[in-house]
């Protein structure tokens, strides 16, 4: 039998963290973080990381497990989260995965690879391009051969752009470029109840903007400055919304108001992409708008009871 798990997904600022805690309290569960930025220590305000007070005693896993300069890939998350599911299940508790990073959650739930969907990393591409120009295309291709011989066998050394993309995928995801198959059948790995949270678009955007304002009041600027001073612009941690927008400000290229507006804009855009991702890629068990009425929460609780076999 497959392990039973609960998954809560949806856009930023929609209430995923709070629901995860409520379900864990009601059904003796533990939360596994499914957000790519909350794994980093020190990135607390900008990632809306759950505080001890908010957690209400509920155990949260895969939070604060990496230093900001360290990489953390999709495959790393899949391995770590799968291990946590085993541990939690062995304790007769319910694993509850909470997060909005679609690639992470999908990699955990299904037997799929996301190599072809790695986000572009311009700094990495520039370094690889420079390596090809200074040392030759063959050096770059040998680098790919060492990391992914199957991909190297299919990509000609003269196709520098494709070689760089393959190396970029490996760098960003930790997975071989050759492992990606766009039409790969998604095989479920768990007995999953997947809850998608949503909200009316205007209200969601209002919540996002208010949250950014509260983050600024709580010290987001100082948190971002410390990160910018600590890691390189190529680090995965600094690519997160709420941090990368302050890089131009730190260089004197924009004022604080412009930086904050960028955080809000990027957060709204991200929320839209998240909703599209989960609607198109996930066969969700149910969608719930917890901002609309109390009945939505009752429906969620009823679905969980049925899923885990409780009256």
Protein backbone atom coordinates (compact mmCIF):
# COMPACT_ATOMS: atom_id res chain seq x y z
CA UNK A 1 0.00 0.00 0.00
CA UNK A 2 1.15 3.51 -0.77
CA UNK A 3 1.64 5.92 2.12
CA UNK A 4 -1.23 8.34 2.65
CA UNK A 5 -0.25 11.98 2.52
CA UNK A 6 -1.97 15.36 2.34
CA UNK A 7 -0.67 18.09 0.04
CA UNK A 8 -1.63 21.77 0.19
CA UNK A 9 -0.71 23.90 -2.82
CA UNK A 10 -1.70 27.26 -4.23
CA UNK A 11 -0.42 30.79 -4.84
CA UNK A 12 1.56 32.91 -2.43
CA UNK A 13 -0.37 34.62 0.39
CA UNK A 14 -3.45 32.41 -0.01
CA UNK A 15 -3.25 30.77 3.44
CA UNK A 16 -1.40 27.47 2.87
CA UNK A 17 0.72 27.68 6.04
CA UNK A 18 -2.27 28.30 8.30
CA UNK A 19 -4.30 25.45 6.79
CA UNK A 20 -1.38 23.06 7.15
CA UNK A 21 -1.16 23.84 10.85
CA UNK A 22 -4.92 23.49 11.36
CA UNK A 23 -4.97 20.10 9.65
CA UNK A 24 -1.90 18.90 11.56
CA UNK A 25 -3.55 19.87 14.85
CA UNK A 26 -6.83 18.18 13.97
CA UNK A 27 -5.45 14.97 12.47
CA UNK A 28 -2.15 14.41 14.30
CA UNK A 29 0.07 15.43 11.44
CA UNK A 30 3.48 16.93 10.78
CA UNK A 31 4.25 19.48 8.08
CA UNK A 32 6.87 19.09 5.37
CA UNK A 33 7.90 22.35 3.72
CA UNK A 34 7.39 22.42 -0.05
CA UNK A 35 8.79 25.91 -0.68
CA UNK A 36 12.18 26.16 -2.39
CA UNK A 37 13.31 29.23 -0.44
CA UNK A 38 12.28 28.24 3.08
CA UNK A 39 15.04 25.62 3.17
CA UNK A 40 17.53 28.47 3.67
CA UNK A 41 18.59 29.68 7.08
CA UNK A 42 18.19 33.41 7.62
CA UNK A 43 15.62 33.89 4.86
CA UNK A 44 12.74 34.28 7.29
CA UNK A 45 10.79 37.44 6.52
CA UNK A 46 10.93 37.36 2.74
CA UNK A 47 9.83 33.74 2.54
CA UNK A 48 7.00 34.18 5.08
CA UNK A 49 8.56 31.35 7.06
CA UNK A 50 6.36 30.04 9.85
CA UNK A 51 7.31 31.39 13.28
CA UNK A 52 7.35 29.27 16.46
CA UNK A 53 4.30 31.14 17.68
CA UNK A 54 2.42 30.52 14.43
CA UNK A 55 3.41 26.84 14.38
CA UNK A 56 1.53 26.21 17.65
CA UNK A 57 3.76 23.27 18.46
CA UNK A 58 3.34 21.55 15.10
CA UNK A 59 6.59 20.05 13.80
CA UNK A 60 7.77 21.52 10.48
CA UNK A 61 10.38 19.67 8.41
CA UNK A 62 12.83 20.86 5.70
CA UNK A 63 12.97 24.41 6.99
CA UNK A 64 16.37 26.02 7.77
CA UNK A 65 18.36 23.05 6.48
CA UNK A 66 20.76 24.92 4.16
CA UNK A 67 23.06 27.93 4.31
CA UNK A 68 22.19 30.62 1.73
CA UNK A 69 25.33 29.95 -0.31
CA UNK A 70 24.50 26.25 -0.73
CA UNK A 71 22.60 24.86 -3.72
CA UNK A 72 19.44 22.84 -3.22
CA UNK A 73 17.90 21.08 -6.19
CA UNK A 74 14.59 19.49 -7.10
CA UNK A 75 16.15 16.05 -6.72
CA UNK A 76 17.54 16.99 -3.28
CA UNK A 77 14.04 17.93 -2.18
CA UNK A 78 12.51 14.75 -3.60
CA UNK A 79 15.00 12.64 -1.64
CA UNK A 80 14.68 14.59 1.60
CA UNK A 81 10.90 14.87 1.53
CA UNK A 82 10.44 11.18 0.69
CA UNK A 83 12.58 10.29 3.70
CA UNK A 84 10.51 12.57 5.95
CA UNK A 85 7.30 10.96 4.71
CA UNK A 86 8.67 7.56 5.73
CA UNK A 87 9.68 8.83 9.16
CA UNK A 88 6.36 10.56 9.84
CA UNK A 89 4.32 7.61 8.62
CA UNK A 90 6.36 5.24 10.80
CA UNK A 91 5.33 7.35 13.80
CA UNK A 92 1.66 6.80 12.82
CA UNK A 93 1.27 10.47 11.98
CA UNK A 94 0.01 12.13 8.80
CA UNK A 95 2.57 13.82 6.50
CA UNK A 96 1.25 17.19 5.26
CA UNK A 97 3.25 18.78 2.44
CA UNK A 98 2.71 22.54 2.27
CA UNK A 99 4.19 24.75 -0.42
CA UNK A 100 3.81 26.57 -3.67
CA UNK A 101 6.94 25.44 -5.56
CA UNK A 102 5.31 23.38 -8.29
CA UNK A 103 8.43 21.59 -9.49
CA UNK A 104 9.26 20.46 -5.96
CA UNK A 105 5.81 19.15 -5.15
CA UNK A 106 5.33 17.43 -8.50
CA UNK A 107 8.74 15.75 -8.27
CA UNK A 108 7.76 14.32 -4.89
CA UNK A 109 4.31 13.08 -5.89
CA UNK A 110 5.13 11.57 -9.26
CA UNK A 111 7.85 9.62 -11.00
CA UNK A 112 8.86 12.48 -13.27
CA UNK A 113 11.95 14.47 -14.14
CA UNK A 114 11.99 18.25 -14.53
CA UNK A 115 15.27 18.67 -16.34
CA UNK A 116 13.81 20.56 -19.28
CA UNK A 117 11.99 23.00 -17.03
CA UNK A 118 14.93 24.47 -15.13
CA UNK A 119 14.77 28.25 -14.91
CA UNK A 120 17.40 30.18 -16.91
CA UNK A 121 20.51 31.20 -14.96
CA UNK A 122 22.14 34.03 -16.89
CA UNK A 123 25.23 34.21 -14.68
CA UNK A 124 25.90 30.48 -15.16
CA UNK A 125 25.36 30.76 -18.92
CA UNK A 126 27.82 33.63 -19.14
CA UNK A 127 30.47 31.64 -17.26
CA UNK A 128 30.01 28.65 -19.57
CA UNK A 129 30.11 30.87 -22.66
CA UNK A 130 33.32 32.44 -21.41
CA UNK A 131 34.79 28.98 -20.79
CA UNK A 132 33.97 27.98 -24.37
CA UNK A 133 35.51 31.16 -25.79
CA UNK A 134 38.69 30.94 -23.70
CA UNK A 135 39.30 27.18 -23.65
CA UNK A 136 37.38 25.89 -26.66
CA UNK A 137 34.10 24.17 -27.36
CA UNK A 138 35.57 20.72 -26.75
CA UNK A 139 36.42 21.60 -23.15
CA UNK A 140 32.82 22.57 -22.55
CA UNK A 141 31.58 19.37 -24.17
CA UNK A 142 33.96 17.24 -22.08
CA UNK A 143 32.50 18.90 -19.00
CA UNK A 144 29.06 17.69 -20.08
CA UNK A 145 30.43 14.21 -20.82
CA UNK A 146 31.67 13.96 -17.25
CA UNK A 147 28.30 14.97 -15.80
CA UNK A 148 25.86 13.42 -18.26
CA UNK A 149 27.45 11.13 -20.89
CA UNK A 150 24.06 10.22 -22.38
CA UNK A 151 23.26 13.85 -23.12
CA UNK A 152 26.79 14.52 -24.39
CA UNK A 153 26.48 11.64 -26.86
CA UNK A 154 23.38 13.27 -28.38
CA UNK A 155 24.63 16.88 -28.50
CA UNK A 156 27.35 17.87 -30.96
CA UNK A 157 30.27 19.86 -29.47
CA UNK A 158 29.64 22.63 -32.01
CA UNK A 159 26.15 23.16 -30.60
CA UNK A 160 27.47 25.32 -27.77
CA UNK A 161 24.07 26.76 -26.90
CA UNK A 162 22.61 23.28 -26.36
CA UNK A 163 25.65 22.10 -24.39
CA UNK A 164 25.35 25.10 -22.09
CA UNK A 165 21.62 24.47 -21.63
CA UNK A 166 22.30 20.84 -20.65
CA UNK A 167 24.92 21.94 -18.12
CA UNK A 168 22.57 24.62 -16.83
CA UNK A 169 19.83 22.05 -16.20
CA UNK A 170 22.23 19.86 -14.25
CA UNK A 171 23.44 22.87 -12.27
CA UNK A 172 19.92 24.09 -11.45
CA UNK A 173 18.06 20.83 -10.77
CA UNK A 174 20.70 18.27 -9.81
CA UNK A 175 19.17 15.98 -12.44
CA UNK A 176 20.78 14.75 -15.68
CA UNK A 177 19.56 16.64 -18.73
CA UNK A 178 19.05 13.27 -20.41
CA UNK A 179 16.51 12.23 -17.76
CA UNK A 180 13.93 14.73 -18.93
CA UNK A 181 11.09 13.41 -21.08
CA UNK A 182 8.39 15.94 -21.88
CA UNK A 183 5.76 13.27 -22.47
CA UNK A 184 6.70 11.03 -19.57
CA UNK A 185 3.71 9.40 -17.90
CA UNK A 186 3.22 10.67 -14.36
CA UNK A 187 3.08 7.69 -12.02
CA UNK A 188 1.73 8.55 -8.54
CA UNK A 189 4.07 7.54 -5.75
CA UNK A 190 1.68 8.13 -2.84
CA UNK A 191 -1.97 7.90 -1.91
CA UNK A 192 -2.44 11.65 -2.02
CA UNK A 193 -5.19 14.09 -1.16
CA UNK A 194 -4.16 17.29 -2.94
CA UNK A 195 -5.89 20.48 -1.80
CA UNK A 196 -5.55 23.56 -3.97
CA UNK A 197 -6.18 26.90 -2.27
CA UNK A 198 -7.41 29.82 -4.31
CA UNK A 199 -8.98 33.24 -3.82
CA UNK A 200 -10.66 35.89 -5.90
CA UNK A 201 -7.90 37.56 -7.94
CA UNK A 202 -8.38 41.12 -6.67
CA UNK A 203 -8.46 39.96 -3.05
CA UNK A 204 -5.40 37.78 -3.55
CA UNK A 205 -3.44 40.69 -4.97
CA UNK A 206 -4.52 42.88 -2.06
CA UNK A 207 -3.31 40.21 0.37
CA UNK A 208 0.02 40.00 -1.47
CA UNK A 209 0.60 43.76 -1.36
CA UNK A 210 -0.37 43.98 2.30
CA UNK A 211 1.98 41.13 3.14
CA UNK A 212 4.89 42.84 1.39
CA UNK A 213 4.19 46.01 3.38
CA UNK A 214 4.19 43.99 6.60
CA UNK A 215 7.45 42.31 5.55
CA UNK A 216 9.07 45.70 5.09
CA UNK A 217 7.89 46.78 8.53
CA UNK A 218 9.32 43.56 9.96
CA UNK A 219 12.79 44.22 8.52
CA UNK A 220 12.86 42.67 5.03
CA UNK A 221 15.29 45.29 3.74
CA UNK A 222 17.93 44.42 6.34
CA UNK A 223 17.41 40.69 5.70
CA UNK A 224 17.89 41.24 1.97
CA UNK A 225 20.97 43.45 2.50
CA UNK A 226 22.61 40.78 4.64
CA UNK A 227 21.93 38.14 2.00
CA UNK A 228 23.28 40.35 -0.80
CA UNK A 229 26.46 40.97 1.20
CA UNK A 230 26.86 37.26 2.00
CA UNK A 231 26.30 35.37 -1.26
CA UNK A 232 27.05 35.85 -4.94
CA UNK A 233 24.37 36.89 -7.42
CA UNK A 234 24.59 33.36 -8.85
CA UNK A 235 23.40 31.77 -5.59
CA UNK A 236 20.01 30.10 -5.69
CA UNK A 237 18.87 31.77 -2.48
CA UNK A 238 19.21 35.31 -3.81
CA UNK A 239 16.96 34.55 -6.79
CA UNK A 240 13.93 34.43 -4.52
CA UNK A 241 11.25 37.11 -4.76
CA UNK A 242 11.77 39.57 -1.94
CA UNK A 243 15.55 39.44 -2.24
CA UNK A 244 16.61 39.80 -5.88
CA UNK A 245 14.62 43.04 -6.22
CA UNK A 246 16.90 44.75 -3.71
CA UNK A 247 20.08 44.08 -5.70
CA UNK A 248 19.56 47.16 -7.94
CA UNK A 249 18.77 49.20 -4.82
CA UNK A 250 22.01 48.07 -3.17
CA UNK A 251 23.89 49.28 -6.26
CA UNK A 252 22.13 52.65 -6.29
CA UNK A 253 20.25 51.85 -9.50
CA UNK A 254 16.79 52.44 -7.99
CA UNK A 255 15.18 53.84 -4.86
CA UNK A 256 13.53 51.85 -2.08
CA UNK A 257 9.99 52.58 -3.29
CA UNK A 258 10.82 51.19 -6.74
CA UNK A 259 12.36 48.08 -5.22
CA UNK A 260 9.31 47.43 -3.05
CA UNK A 261 6.99 47.89 -6.01
CA UNK A 262 9.04 45.30 -7.89
CA UNK A 263 8.62 42.86 -5.02
CA UNK A 264 4.85 43.36 -5.17
CA UNK A 265 4.74 43.08 -8.96
CA UNK A 266 6.86 39.94 -9.05
CA UNK A 267 4.81 38.40 -6.24
CA UNK A 268 1.57 39.03 -8.14
CA UNK A 269 3.06 37.57 -11.31
CA UNK A 270 4.32 34.55 -9.41
CA UNK A 271 0.89 33.95 -7.87
CA UNK A 272 -0.64 33.93 -11.34
CA UNK A 273 1.96 31.45 -12.59
CA UNK A 274 1.38 29.23 -9.56
CA UNK A 275 -2.36 29.07 -10.18
CA UNK A 276 -1.79 28.23 -13.83
CA UNK A 277 0.75 25.54 -12.93
CA UNK A 278 -1.43 23.74 -10.42
CA UNK A 279 -4.53 23.92 -12.62
CA UNK A 280 -2.72 22.56 -15.65
CA UNK A 281 -0.30 20.07 -14.11
CA UNK A 282 -2.14 18.70 -11.07
CA UNK A 283 -5.27 16.60 -10.85
CA UNK A 284 -6.31 18.21 -7.59
CA UNK A 285 -8.68 16.44 -5.22
CA UNK A 286 -10.44 19.74 -4.50
CA UNK A 287 -10.07 23.49 -4.81
CA UNK A 288 -11.00 25.60 -1.79
CA UNK A 289 -11.40 29.33 -1.30
CA UNK A 290 -11.00 29.76 2.45
CA UNK A 291 -11.47 33.50 2.13
CA UNK A 292 -15.03 33.08 0.84
CA UNK A 293 -16.93 31.25 3.58
CA UNK A 294 -16.64 28.80 6.45
CA UNK A 295 -18.21 26.04 4.39
CA UNK A 296 -15.01 25.73 2.36
CA UNK A 297 -13.04 24.82 5.48
CA UNK A 298 -15.67 22.24 6.43
CA UNK A 299 -15.37 20.68 2.98
CA UNK A 300 -11.60 20.46 3.37
CA UNK A 301 -11.87 18.78 6.77
CA UNK A 302 -14.46 16.32 5.46
CA UNK A 303 -12.22 15.41 2.51
CA UNK A 304 -9.30 14.79 4.87
CA UNK A 305 -11.41 12.59 7.14
CA UNK A 306 -12.49 10.44 4.20
CA UNK A 307 -8.95 10.25 2.84
CA UNK A 308 -7.36 9.03 6.07
CA UNK A 309 -10.34 6.87 7.03
CA UNK A 310 -11.59 8.71 10.09
CA UNK A 311 -15.19 9.33 11.07
